């Protein structure tokens, strides 16, 4: 009987604002920015995982009714992404805080997973994110078309 390796699933949220900007989080200790996303826990749905990861990685509690399911994307040989999208107002970055930490093996200190946040023009994702994430955002999600769709969806912008 053949052995089938199951891919891990990472769930996250593409947060856009009406000014054609994307919220990205700077990954601590790395040279790239990323979406708020992370692994799904046992018993969680992709929606629950995406909401939890957004809350943990940037402190933003988004109402599930504001999310649009973009579906599952092949990401790496070992991991797939399940992404959701939302149109939100351009909140102040000072309001965001990473609540999830990891133990840095060099310093022995607890560090936040994300150490910075920014609103960036869609094109900037191509140079700020990893090549794989840039490909997802630029070739599969198509941020301009996504924003257009979110702008025409009733109740797309949260109050």
C-alpha atoms as a PDB file:
ATOM      1  CA  UNK A   1       0.000   0.000   0.000  1.00  0.00           C
ATOM      2  CA  UNK A   2       1.506   3.411  -0.951  1.00  0.00           C
ATOM      3  CA  UNK A   3       2.449   5.933   1.685  1.00  0.00           C
ATOM      4  CA  UNK A   4       0.685   9.287   1.341  1.00  0.00           C
ATOM      5  CA  UNK A   5       2.256  12.266   3.028  1.00  0.00           C
ATOM      6  CA  UNK A   6      -0.290  14.823   4.129  1.00  0.00           C
ATOM      7  CA  UNK A   7       0.626  18.436   3.671  1.00  0.00           C
ATOM      8  CA  UNK A   8       0.466  20.800   6.610  1.00  0.00           C
ATOM      9  CA  UNK A   9      -2.116  23.538   6.310  1.00  0.00           C
ATOM     10  CA  UNK A  10      -1.426  27.190   7.099  1.00  0.00           C
ATOM     11  CA  UNK A  11      -4.428  29.531   7.340  1.00  0.00           C
ATOM     12  CA  UNK A  12      -4.396  33.298   7.106  1.00  0.00           C
ATOM     13  CA  UNK A  13      -6.077  36.528   6.133  1.00  0.00           C
ATOM     14  CA  UNK A  14      -5.346  38.935   3.306  1.00  0.00           C
ATOM     15  CA  UNK A  15      -6.259  42.309   4.857  1.00  0.00           C
ATOM     16  CA  UNK A  16      -6.820  45.087   2.322  1.00  0.00           C
ATOM     17  CA  UNK A  17      -7.921  48.687   2.766  1.00  0.00           C
ATOM     18  CA  UNK A  18      -9.768  50.902   0.267  1.00  0.00           C
ATOM     19  CA  UNK A  19      -6.525  52.798  -0.539  1.00  0.00           C
ATOM     20  CA  UNK A  20      -5.133  49.775  -2.417  1.00  0.00           C
ATOM     21  CA  UNK A  21      -2.906  48.714   0.455  1.00  0.00           C
ATOM     22  CA  UNK A  22      -2.174  45.330   2.012  1.00  0.00           C
ATOM     23  CA  UNK A  23      -1.348  44.723   5.668  1.00  0.00           C
ATOM     24  CA  UNK A  24       1.893  42.797   6.104  1.00  0.00           C
ATOM     25  CA  UNK A  25       3.685  41.678   9.257  1.00  0.00           C
ATOM     26  CA  UNK A  26       7.484  41.646   9.539  1.00  0.00           C
ATOM     27  CA  UNK A  27       8.752  38.214  10.566  1.00  0.00           C
ATOM     28  CA  UNK A  28      11.118  38.558  13.548  1.00  0.00           C
ATOM     29  CA  UNK A  29      14.719  37.723  12.702  1.00  0.00           C
ATOM     30  CA  UNK A  30      13.998  37.386   8.973  1.00  0.00           C
ATOM     31  CA  UNK A  31      14.332  39.636   5.949  1.00  0.00           C
ATOM     32  CA  UNK A  32      10.757  39.260   4.769  1.00  0.00           C
ATOM     33  CA  UNK A  33       7.197  40.302   5.513  1.00  0.00           C
ATOM     34  CA  UNK A  34       4.186  37.994   5.541  1.00  0.00           C
ATOM     35  CA  UNK A  35       0.449  37.772   5.948  1.00  0.00           C
ATOM     36  CA  UNK A  36      -0.900  36.995   9.403  1.00  0.00           C
ATOM     37  CA  UNK A  37      -1.118  33.225   9.044  1.00  0.00           C
ATOM     38  CA  UNK A  38      -0.109  29.988  10.682  1.00  0.00           C
ATOM     39  CA  UNK A  39      -0.763  26.333  11.236  1.00  0.00           C
ATOM     40  CA  UNK A  40      -4.189  24.922  11.849  1.00  0.00           C
ATOM     41  CA  UNK A  41      -4.717  23.250  15.224  1.00  0.00           C
ATOM     42  CA  UNK A  42      -6.411  19.900  15.675  1.00  0.00           C
ATOM     43  CA  UNK A  43     -10.184  20.350  15.607  1.00  0.00           C
ATOM     44  CA  UNK A  44     -10.053  23.835  14.067  1.00  0.00           C
ATOM     45  CA  UNK A  45     -11.640  24.827  10.797  1.00  0.00           C
ATOM     46  CA  UNK A  46      -9.553  26.883   8.373  1.00  0.00           C
ATOM     47  CA  UNK A  47     -11.727  29.905   9.237  1.00  0.00           C
ATOM     48  CA  UNK A  48     -11.143  29.489  12.973  1.00  0.00           C
ATOM     49  CA  UNK A  49      -7.391  29.069  12.415  1.00  0.00           C
ATOM     50  CA  UNK A  50      -7.189  32.169  10.202  1.00  0.00           C
ATOM     51  CA  UNK A  51      -9.045  34.278  12.778  1.00  0.00           C
ATOM     52  CA  UNK A  52      -6.879  32.953  15.637  1.00  0.00           C
ATOM     53  CA  UNK A  53      -3.627  33.512  13.762  1.00  0.00           C
ATOM     54  CA  UNK A  54      -4.628  37.077  12.856  1.00  0.00           C
ATOM     55  CA  UNK A  55      -5.454  37.772  16.504  1.00  0.00           C
ATOM     56  CA  UNK A  56      -2.224  36.173  17.752  1.00  0.00           C
ATOM     57  CA  UNK A  57       0.131  37.664  15.170  1.00  0.00           C
ATOM     58  CA  UNK A  58      -1.182  41.219  15.017  1.00  0.00           C
ATOM     59  CA  UNK A  59      -3.768  41.543  17.790  1.00  0.00           C
ATOM     60  CA  UNK A  60      -6.562  42.260  15.321  1.00  0.00           C
ATOM     61  CA  UNK A  61      -9.903  40.613  16.078  1.00  0.00           C
ATOM     62  CA  UNK A  62     -11.776  40.433  12.794  1.00  0.00           C
ATOM     63  CA  UNK A  63     -15.428  39.452  12.652  1.00  0.00           C
ATOM     64  CA  UNK A  64     -15.836  36.221  10.715  1.00  0.00           C
ATOM     65  CA  UNK A  65     -18.707  37.799   8.773  1.00  0.00           C
ATOM     66  CA  UNK A  66     -16.199  40.205   7.198  1.00  0.00           C
ATOM     67  CA  UNK A  67     -14.140  37.364   5.707  1.00  0.00           C
ATOM     68  CA  UNK A  68     -14.386  36.046   2.170  1.00  0.00           C
ATOM     69  CA  UNK A  69     -13.081  32.524   1.566  1.00  0.00           C
ATOM     70  CA  UNK A  70     -10.408  32.527  -1.146  1.00  0.00           C
ATOM     71  CA  UNK A  71      -9.810  28.794  -0.842  1.00  0.00           C
ATOM     72  CA  UNK A  72      -6.820  26.521  -0.628  1.00  0.00           C
ATOM     73  CA  UNK A  73      -3.589  27.176  -2.515  1.00  0.00           C
ATOM     74  CA  UNK A  74      -0.648  24.878  -3.177  1.00  0.00           C
ATOM     75  CA  UNK A  75       2.248  26.640  -1.431  1.00  0.00           C
ATOM     76  CA  UNK A  76       5.263  24.376  -0.921  1.00  0.00           C
ATOM     77  CA  UNK A  77       5.904  20.659  -1.239  1.00  0.00           C
ATOM     78  CA  UNK A  78       5.026  20.265   2.448  1.00  0.00           C
ATOM     79  CA  UNK A  79       2.458  23.015   3.035  1.00  0.00           C
ATOM     80  CA  UNK A  80      -0.742  24.417   1.546  1.00  0.00           C
ATOM     81  CA  UNK A  81      -2.377  27.758   2.351  1.00  0.00           C
ATOM     82  CA  UNK A  82      -6.034  28.400   3.032  1.00  0.00           C
ATOM     83  CA  UNK A  83      -6.633  32.118   2.703  1.00  0.00           C
ATOM     84  CA  UNK A  84      -9.479  34.454   3.510  1.00  0.00           C
ATOM     85  CA  UNK A  85      -9.754  38.116   2.553  1.00  0.00           C
ATOM     86  CA  UNK A  86     -11.267  41.166   4.176  1.00  0.00           C
ATOM     87  CA  UNK A  87     -11.594  44.846   3.436  1.00  0.00           C
ATOM     88  CA  UNK A  88     -10.885  46.891   6.544  1.00  0.00           C
ATOM     89  CA  UNK A  89     -10.297  50.551   7.330  1.00  0.00           C
ATOM     90  CA  UNK A  90      -6.671  51.699   7.476  1.00  0.00           C
ATOM     91  CA  UNK A  91      -6.147  51.387  11.214  1.00  0.00           C
ATOM     92  CA  UNK A  92      -3.134  52.873  12.969  1.00  0.00           C
ATOM     93  CA  UNK A  93      -0.234  50.430  13.068  1.00  0.00           C
ATOM     94  CA  UNK A  94       0.492  51.379  16.697  1.00  0.00           C
ATOM     95  CA  UNK A  95      -2.723  49.528  17.594  1.00  0.00           C
ATOM     96  CA  UNK A  96      -1.241  46.201  16.431  1.00  0.00           C
ATOM     97  CA  UNK A  97       0.701  43.853  18.726  1.00  0.00           C
ATOM     98  CA  UNK A  98       1.963  40.324  18.239  1.00  0.00           C
ATOM     99  CA  UNK A  99       0.713  38.123  21.066  1.00  0.00           C
ATOM    100  CA  UNK A 100       2.495  34.925  20.001  1.00  0.00           C
ATOM    101  CA  UNK A 101       6.129  34.336  20.942  1.00  0.00           C
ATOM    102  CA  UNK A 102       8.859  31.784  20.380  1.00  0.00           C
ATOM    103  CA  UNK A 103      12.050  30.953  22.257  1.00  0.00           C
ATOM    104  CA  UNK A 104      15.059  32.330  20.398  1.00  0.00           C
ATOM    105  CA  UNK A 105      17.696  29.611  20.590  1.00  0.00           C
ATOM    106  CA  UNK A 106      20.594  32.076  20.380  1.00  0.00           C
ATOM    107  CA  UNK A 107      19.560  34.594  23.023  1.00  0.00           C
ATOM    108  CA  UNK A 108      17.342  32.313  25.122  1.00  0.00           C
ATOM    109  CA  UNK A 109      14.708  35.083  25.135  1.00  0.00           C
ATOM    110  CA  UNK A 110      11.057  34.941  24.199  1.00  0.00           C
ATOM    111  CA  UNK A 111      10.568  36.973  21.013  1.00  0.00           C
ATOM    112  CA  UNK A 112       7.371  37.934  19.194  1.00  0.00           C
ATOM    113  CA  UNK A 113       6.756  36.043  15.947  1.00  0.00           C
ATOM    114  CA  UNK A 114       6.135  39.383  14.235  1.00  0.00           C
ATOM    115  CA  UNK A 115       8.060  42.532  15.139  1.00  0.00           C
ATOM    116  CA  UNK A 116       6.540  45.097  12.805  1.00  0.00           C
ATOM    117  CA  UNK A 117       3.476  45.927  10.742  1.00  0.00           C
ATOM    118  CA  UNK A 118       2.915  47.973   7.629  1.00  0.00           C
ATOM    119  CA  UNK A 119       0.377  49.009   5.049  1.00  0.00           C
ATOM    120  CA  UNK A 120       1.965  48.552   1.635  1.00  0.00           C
ATOM    121  CA  UNK A 121       0.907  49.230  -1.952  1.00  0.00           C
ATOM    122  CA  UNK A 122       0.056  45.936  -3.639  1.00  0.00           C
ATOM    123  CA  UNK A 123       3.198  45.983  -5.823  1.00  0.00           C
ATOM    124  CA  UNK A 124       5.460  46.089  -2.765  1.00  0.00           C
ATOM    125  CA  UNK A 125       4.430  42.542  -1.798  1.00  0.00           C
ATOM    126  CA  UNK A 126       6.532  41.286  -4.701  1.00  0.00           C
ATOM    127  CA  UNK A 127       9.746  42.530  -3.071  1.00  0.00           C
ATOM    128  CA  UNK A 128       8.841  42.358   0.625  1.00  0.00           C
ATOM    129  CA  UNK A 129       7.453  38.807   0.802  1.00  0.00           C
ATOM    130  CA  UNK A 130       9.160  35.514   0.065  1.00  0.00           C
ATOM    131  CA  UNK A 131       9.055  34.532  -3.623  1.00  0.00           C
ATOM    132  CA  UNK A 132       6.426  31.858  -2.883  1.00  0.00           C
ATOM    133  CA  UNK A 133       4.131  34.295  -1.061  1.00  0.00           C
ATOM    134  CA  UNK A 134       4.726  36.944  -3.734  1.00  0.00           C
ATOM    135  CA  UNK A 135       3.618  34.409  -6.355  1.00  0.00           C
ATOM    136  CA  UNK A 136       0.448  33.586  -4.423  1.00  0.00           C
ATOM    137  CA  UNK A 137      -0.465  37.255  -3.976  1.00  0.00           C
ATOM    138  CA  UNK A 138       0.573  38.391  -7.453  1.00  0.00           C
ATOM    139  CA  UNK A 139      -0.429  35.481  -9.663  1.00  0.00           C
ATOM    140  CA  UNK A 140      -3.185  33.582  -7.876  1.00  0.00           C
ATOM    141  CA  UNK A 141      -4.985  35.942  -5.501  1.00  0.00           C
ATOM    142  CA  UNK A 142      -4.669  38.983  -7.847  1.00  0.00           C
ATOM    143  CA  UNK A 143      -4.939  41.778  -5.297  1.00  0.00           C
ATOM    144  CA  UNK A 144      -6.424  44.419  -7.640  1.00  0.00           C
ATOM    145  CA  UNK A 145      -9.271  42.123  -8.687  1.00  0.00           C
ATOM    146  CA  UNK A 146      -9.788  41.021  -5.101  1.00  0.00           C
ATOM    147  CA  UNK A 147     -10.081  44.645  -3.935  1.00  0.00           C
ATOM    148  CA  UNK A 148     -12.573  45.391  -6.701  1.00  0.00           C
ATOM    149  CA  UNK A 149     -14.657  42.392  -5.648  1.00  0.00           C
ATOM    150  CA  UNK A 150     -14.517  43.361  -1.965  1.00  0.00           C
ATOM    151  CA  UNK A 151     -15.476  46.970  -2.736  1.00  0.00           C
ATOM    152  CA  UNK A 152     -18.609  45.823  -4.569  1.00  0.00           C
ATOM    153  CA  UNK A 153     -19.647  43.351  -1.883  1.00  0.00           C
ATOM    154  CA  UNK A 154     -22.295  44.720   0.515  1.00  0.00           C
ATOM    155  CA  UNK A 155     -20.956  45.302   4.036  1.00  0.00           C
ATOM    156  CA  UNK A 156     -17.388  44.675   2.847  1.00  0.00           C
ATOM    157  CA  UNK A 157     -15.790  47.321   5.057  1.00  0.00           C
ATOM    158  CA  UNK A 158     -16.026  46.709   8.780  1.00  0.00           C
ATOM    159  CA  UNK A 159     -17.111  49.628  10.934  1.00  0.00           C
END
